[in-house]
Amino acid sequence: FGNDGDEENVFEDTVGFINEVGIGTQNINISCPLPGTKLFTDMKAAGRLRYTNFPEDWEKYNMRYVTLKPKNLTALELYEKRREVAYKLTGSNLFLLKRFVRTLWITRSPITAFFAYLWSYTSRDSKAEYEYHINLLKREMETSRTEDINAGKVAIAI
């Protein structure tokens, strides 16, 4: 998620597609401009990389952080929507169990079904991780607003 061509419906469409075709497991990632890729070069040239203090910021380039400035959403909105999709697909143990049974039925392989279940179960965001990312994004937005005000980029109504 977070590609320039993504529209508002991409989140629900993705959930619907995964459920419709019976995918056993998935990764729900945020577009990440990895170094050496065209996306990284383009985002850097456009000033749309959110983290550029290398090598310290390399740890954020893991497809869980919002490392680019999204075109159609704020970084916080993108993270929250990605989290909603991930929760719809992995948040319920009952839902994961149903997917396990479906994968077992389709593949006739207990090992495949088990690993699909295990992957989905372990890839869930913990509440602590979610809160960490939300708080980080909120702090960064506040810092950015303060910097814009100090630089005279934002008019303050009195």
C-alpha atoms as a PDB file:
ATOM      1  CA  PHE A   1       0.000   0.000   0.000  1.00  0.00           C
ATOM      2  CA  GLY A   2       1.062   3.609  -0.467  1.00  0.00           C
ATOM      3  CA  ASN A   3       1.720   3.551  -4.199  1.00  0.00           C
ATOM      4  CA  ASP A   4       0.873   6.739  -6.082  1.00  0.00           C
ATOM      5  CA  GLY A   5      -1.842   4.963  -8.090  1.00  0.00           C
ATOM      6  CA  ASP A   6      -3.631   3.637  -4.999  1.00  0.00           C
ATOM      7  CA  GLU A   7      -7.138   4.977  -4.619  1.00  0.00           C
ATOM      8  CA  GLU A   8      -9.338   4.950  -1.506  1.00  0.00           C
ATOM      9  CA  ASN A   9     -10.904   1.599  -2.452  1.00  0.00           C
ATOM     10  CA  VAL A  10      -7.568  -0.257  -2.670  1.00  0.00           C
ATOM     11  CA  PHE A  11      -7.788  -1.311   0.967  1.00  0.00           C
ATOM     12  CA  GLU A  12     -11.251  -2.890   0.849  1.00  0.00           C
ATOM     13  CA  ASP A  13     -10.605  -4.265  -2.656  1.00  0.00           C
ATOM     14  CA  THR A  14      -7.498  -6.044  -1.381  1.00  0.00           C
ATOM     15  CA  VAL A  15      -9.365  -7.652   1.511  1.00  0.00           C
ATOM     16  CA  GLY A  16     -12.189  -8.685  -0.836  1.00  0.00           C
ATOM     17  CA  PHE A  17      -9.781 -10.178  -3.380  1.00  0.00           C
ATOM     18  CA  ILE A  18      -7.823 -12.162  -0.800  1.00  0.00           C
ATOM     19  CA  ASN A  19     -11.022 -13.580   0.667  1.00  0.00           C
ATOM     20  CA  GLU A  20     -12.627 -14.233  -2.729  1.00  0.00           C
ATOM     21  CA  VAL A  21      -9.761 -16.238  -4.201  1.00  0.00           C
ATOM     22  CA  GLY A  22      -9.001 -18.072  -0.971  1.00  0.00           C
ATOM     23  CA  ILE A  23      -5.415 -17.033  -0.412  1.00  0.00           C
ATOM     24  CA  GLY A  24      -4.094 -18.937   2.608  1.00  0.00           C
ATOM     25  CA  THR A  25      -1.732 -16.255   3.879  1.00  0.00           C
ATOM     26  CA  GLN A  26      -0.334 -12.906   2.834  1.00  0.00           C
ATOM     27  CA  ASN A  27       1.976 -10.055   3.732  1.00  0.00           C
ATOM     28  CA  ILE A  28       0.330  -6.675   4.135  1.00  0.00           C
ATOM     29  CA  ASN A  29       3.136  -4.217   3.517  1.00  0.00           C
ATOM     30  CA  ILE A  30       3.630  -0.545   2.899  1.00  0.00           C
ATOM     31  CA  SER A  31       5.453   0.466  -0.254  1.00  0.00           C
ATOM     32  CA  CYS A  32       9.098   0.827   0.706  1.00  0.00           C
ATOM     33  CA  PRO A  33      11.586   2.595  -1.570  1.00  0.00           C
ATOM     34  CA  LEU A  34      14.604   0.332  -1.075  1.00  0.00           C
ATOM     35  CA  PRO A  35      18.008   1.741  -2.064  1.00  0.00           C
ATOM     36  CA  GLY A  36      19.126   0.851  -5.558  1.00  0.00           C
ATOM     37  CA  THR A  37      15.562   0.759  -6.878  1.00  0.00           C
ATOM     38  CA  LYS A  38      13.906   3.192  -9.264  1.00  0.00           C
ATOM     39  CA  LEU A  39      11.323   3.953  -6.584  1.00  0.00           C
ATOM     40  CA  PHE A  40      14.051   5.045  -4.156  1.00  0.00           C
ATOM     41  CA  THR A  41      15.698   7.239  -6.809  1.00  0.00           C
ATOM     42  CA  ASP A  42      12.362   8.795  -7.794  1.00  0.00           C
ATOM     43  CA  MET A  43      11.220   9.411  -4.213  1.00  0.00           C
ATOM     44  CA  LYS A  44      14.593  10.892  -3.268  1.00  0.00           C
ATOM     45  CA  ALA A  45      14.546  13.223  -6.294  1.00  0.00           C
ATOM     46  CA  ALA A  46      10.993  14.311  -5.438  1.00  0.00           C
ATOM     47  CA  GLY A  47      11.896  14.914  -1.770  1.00  0.00           C
ATOM     48  CA  ARG A  48       9.402  12.261  -0.670  1.00  0.00           C
ATOM     49  CA  LEU A  49      11.631  10.107   1.550  1.00  0.00           C
ATOM     50  CA  ARG A  50      10.545  10.507   5.164  1.00  0.00           C
ATOM     51  CA  TYR A  51      13.741   9.106   6.657  1.00  0.00           C
ATOM     52  CA  THR A  52      17.125  10.112   5.243  1.00  0.00           C
ATOM     53  CA  ASN A  53      19.487   9.988   8.212  1.00  0.00           C
ATOM     54  CA  PHE A  54      21.553   7.012   7.058  1.00  0.00           C
ATOM     55  CA  PRO A  55      22.811   4.630   8.321  1.00  0.00           C
ATOM     56  CA  GLU A  56      20.587   5.106  11.417  1.00  0.00           C
ATOM     57  CA  ASP A  57      17.356   5.131   9.390  1.00  0.00           C
ATOM     58  CA  TRP A  58      18.022   1.854   7.547  1.00  0.00           C
ATOM     59  CA  GLU A  59      16.134  -0.033  10.270  1.00  0.00           C
ATOM     60  CA  LYS A  60      12.943   1.754   9.170  1.00  0.00           C
ATOM     61  CA  TYR A  61      13.161   0.430   5.604  1.00  0.00           C
ATOM     62  CA  ASN A  62      11.374  -2.818   6.477  1.00  0.00           C
ATOM     63  CA  MET A  63       7.906  -2.355   4.879  1.00  0.00           C
ATOM     64  CA  ARG A  64       6.262  -1.705   8.264  1.00  0.00           C
ATOM     65  CA  TYR A  65       7.274   1.942   8.615  1.00  0.00           C
ATOM     66  CA  VAL A  66       5.887   4.582   6.277  1.00  0.00           C
ATOM     67  CA  THR A  67       9.227   5.581   4.735  1.00  0.00           C
ATOM     68  CA  LEU A  68       7.851   7.614   1.847  1.00  0.00           C
ATOM     69  CA  LYS A  69       5.532  10.600   1.786  1.00  0.00           C
ATOM     70  CA  PRO A  70       2.334   9.158   0.306  1.00  0.00           C
ATOM     71  CA  LYS A  71       0.710  11.065  -2.529  1.00  0.00           C
ATOM     72  CA  ASN A  72      -2.955  10.495  -1.644  1.00  0.00           C
ATOM     73  CA  LEU A  73      -2.939  10.095   2.169  1.00  0.00           C
ATOM     74  CA  THR A  74      -0.989  11.264   5.155  1.00  0.00           C
ATOM     75  CA  ALA A  75       1.582   8.840   6.521  1.00  0.00           C
ATOM     76  CA  LEU A  76      -0.645   8.328   9.567  1.00  0.00           C
ATOM     77  CA  GLU A  77      -3.724   7.561   7.434  1.00  0.00           C
ATOM     78  CA  LEU A  78      -1.739   5.075   5.344  1.00  0.00           C
ATOM     79  CA  TYR A  79      -0.443   3.269   8.416  1.00  0.00           C
ATOM     80  CA  GLU A  80      -3.894   3.148  10.021  1.00  0.00           C
ATOM     81  CA  LYS A  81      -5.535   1.814   6.838  1.00  0.00           C
ATOM     82  CA  ARG A  82      -2.823  -0.823   6.408  1.00  0.00           C
ATOM     83  CA  ARG A  83      -3.393  -1.833  10.007  1.00  0.00           C
ATOM     84  CA  GLU A  84      -7.167  -2.127   9.390  1.00  0.00           C
ATOM     85  CA  VAL A  85      -6.557  -4.433   6.426  1.00  0.00           C
ATOM     86  CA  ALA A  86      -4.085  -6.548   8.383  1.00  0.00           C
ATOM     87  CA  TYR A  87      -6.537  -6.813  11.270  1.00  0.00           C
ATOM     88  CA  LYS A  88      -9.385  -7.869   8.965  1.00  0.00           C
ATOM     89  CA  LEU A  89      -7.180 -10.640   7.570  1.00  0.00           C
ATOM     90  CA  THR A  90      -5.362 -11.815  10.698  1.00  0.00           C
ATOM     91  CA  GLY A  91      -6.940 -10.203  13.769  1.00  0.00           C
ATOM     92  CA  SER A  92      -9.438 -12.915  14.615  1.00  0.00           C
ATOM     93  CA  ASN A  93      -8.333 -16.366  15.730  1.00  0.00           C
ATOM     94  CA  LEU A  94     -11.632 -17.775  14.415  1.00  0.00           C
ATOM     95  CA  PHE A  95     -10.976 -16.206  11.011  1.00  0.00           C
ATOM     96  CA  LEU A  96      -7.460 -17.685  10.971  1.00  0.00           C
ATOM     97  CA  LEU A  97      -8.862 -21.087  11.880  1.00  0.00           C
ATOM     98  CA  LYS A  98     -11.358 -20.882   8.995  1.00  0.00           C
ATOM     99  CA  ARG A  99      -8.499 -19.999   6.651  1.00  0.00           C
ATOM    100  CA  PHE A 100      -6.508 -22.942   8.008  1.00  0.00           C
ATOM    101  CA  VAL A 101      -9.393 -25.322   7.240  1.00  0.00           C
ATOM    102  CA  ARG A 102      -9.896 -23.794   3.784  1.00  0.00           C
ATOM    103  CA  THR A 103      -6.181 -24.105   2.995  1.00  0.00           C
ATOM    104  CA  LEU A 104      -6.172 -27.678   4.263  1.00  0.00           C
ATOM    105  CA  TRP A 105      -9.199 -28.487   2.097  1.00  0.00           C
ATOM    106  CA  ILE A 106      -7.718 -26.884  -1.028  1.00  0.00           C
ATOM    107  CA  THR A 107      -4.155 -28.201  -0.680  1.00  0.00           C
ATOM    108  CA  ARG A 108      -4.883 -31.476   1.136  1.00  0.00           C
ATOM    109  CA  SER A 109      -1.622 -30.785   2.956  1.00  0.00           C
ATOM    110  CA  PRO A 110      -1.629 -30.397   6.741  1.00  0.00           C
ATOM    111  CA  ILE A 111       1.919 -29.042   6.603  1.00  0.00           C
ATOM    112  CA  THR A 112       1.006 -26.347   4.057  1.00  0.00           C
ATOM    113  CA  ALA A 113      -2.103 -25.383   6.014  1.00  0.00           C
ATOM    114  CA  PHE A 114      -0.137 -25.279   9.272  1.00  0.00           C
ATOM    115  CA  PHE A 115       2.602 -23.047   7.863  1.00  0.00           C
ATOM    116  CA  ALA A 116       0.045 -20.732   6.214  1.00  0.00           C
ATOM    117  CA  TYR A 117      -1.727 -20.443   9.583  1.00  0.00           C
ATOM    118  CA  LEU A 118       1.541 -19.941  11.448  1.00  0.00           C
ATOM    119  CA  TRP A 119       2.675 -17.249   9.000  1.00  0.00           C
ATOM    120  CA  SER A 120      -0.592 -15.337   9.311  1.00  0.00           C
ATOM    121  CA  TYR A 121      -0.664 -15.707  13.089  1.00  0.00           C
ATOM    122  CA  THR A 122       2.907 -14.531  13.651  1.00  0.00           C
ATOM    123  CA  SER A 123       2.707 -11.696  11.134  1.00  0.00           C
ATOM    124  CA  ARG A 124       0.012  -9.915  13.128  1.00  0.00           C
ATOM    125  CA  ASP A 125       0.995  -6.548  14.529  1.00  0.00           C
ATOM    126  CA  SER A 126       1.106  -6.544  18.272  1.00  0.00           C
ATOM    127  CA  LYS A 127      -0.829  -3.824  20.022  1.00  0.00           C
ATOM    128  CA  ALA A 128       2.470  -2.429  21.313  1.00  0.00           C
ATOM    129  CA  GLU A 129       3.948  -2.268  17.798  1.00  0.00           C
ATOM    130  CA  TYR A 130       0.813  -0.581  16.480  1.00  0.00           C
ATOM    131  CA  GLU A 131       0.804   1.999  19.270  1.00  0.00           C
ATOM    132  CA  TYR A 132       4.537   2.632  18.762  1.00  0.00           C
ATOM    133  CA  HIS A 133       4.041   3.401  15.059  1.00  0.00           C
ATOM    134  CA  ILE A 134       0.953   5.555  15.644  1.00  0.00           C
ATOM    135  CA  ASN A 135       2.700   7.580  18.357  1.00  0.00           C
ATOM    136  CA  LEU A 136       5.826   7.936  16.214  1.00  0.00           C
ATOM    137  CA  LEU A 137       3.787   9.232  13.264  1.00  0.00           C
ATOM    138  CA  LYS A 138       1.850  11.653  15.478  1.00  0.00           C
ATOM    139  CA  ARG A 139       5.088  13.016  17.014  1.00  0.00           C
ATOM    140  CA  GLU A 140       6.614  13.418  13.561  1.00  0.00           C
ATOM    141  CA  MET A 141       3.507  15.259  12.305  1.00  0.00           C
ATOM    142  CA  GLU A 142       3.620  17.615  15.287  1.00  0.00           C
ATOM    143  CA  THR A 143       7.349  18.241  14.808  1.00  0.00           C
ATOM    144  CA  SER A 144       6.781  18.935  11.113  1.00  0.00           C
ATOM    145  CA  ARG A 145       3.961  21.405  11.913  1.00  0.00           C
ATOM    146  CA  THR A 146       6.145  23.195  14.451  1.00  0.00           C
ATOM    147  CA  GLU A 147       9.011  23.420  11.947  1.00  0.00           C
ATOM    148  CA  ASP A 148       6.635  24.793   9.286  1.00  0.00           C
ATOM    149  CA  ILE A 149       5.329  27.428  11.714  1.00  0.00           C
ATOM    150  CA  ASN A 150       8.861  28.413  12.752  1.00  0.00           C
ATOM    151  CA  ALA A 151       9.908  28.660   9.099  1.00  0.00           C
ATOM    152  CA  GLY A 152       6.898  30.878   8.314  1.00  0.00           C
ATOM    153  CA  LYS A 153       5.342  28.295   5.977  1.00  0.00           C
ATOM    154  CA  VAL A 154       2.063  28.259   7.919  1.00  0.00           C
ATOM    155  CA  ALA A 155      -0.078  31.262   8.717  1.00  0.00           C
ATOM    156  CA  ILE A 156      -1.370  31.392  12.258  1.00  0.00           C
ATOM    157  CA  ALA A 157      -4.847  32.844  12.755  1.00  0.00           C
ATOM    158  CA  ILE A 158      -5.178  35.109  15.755  1.00  0.00           C
END
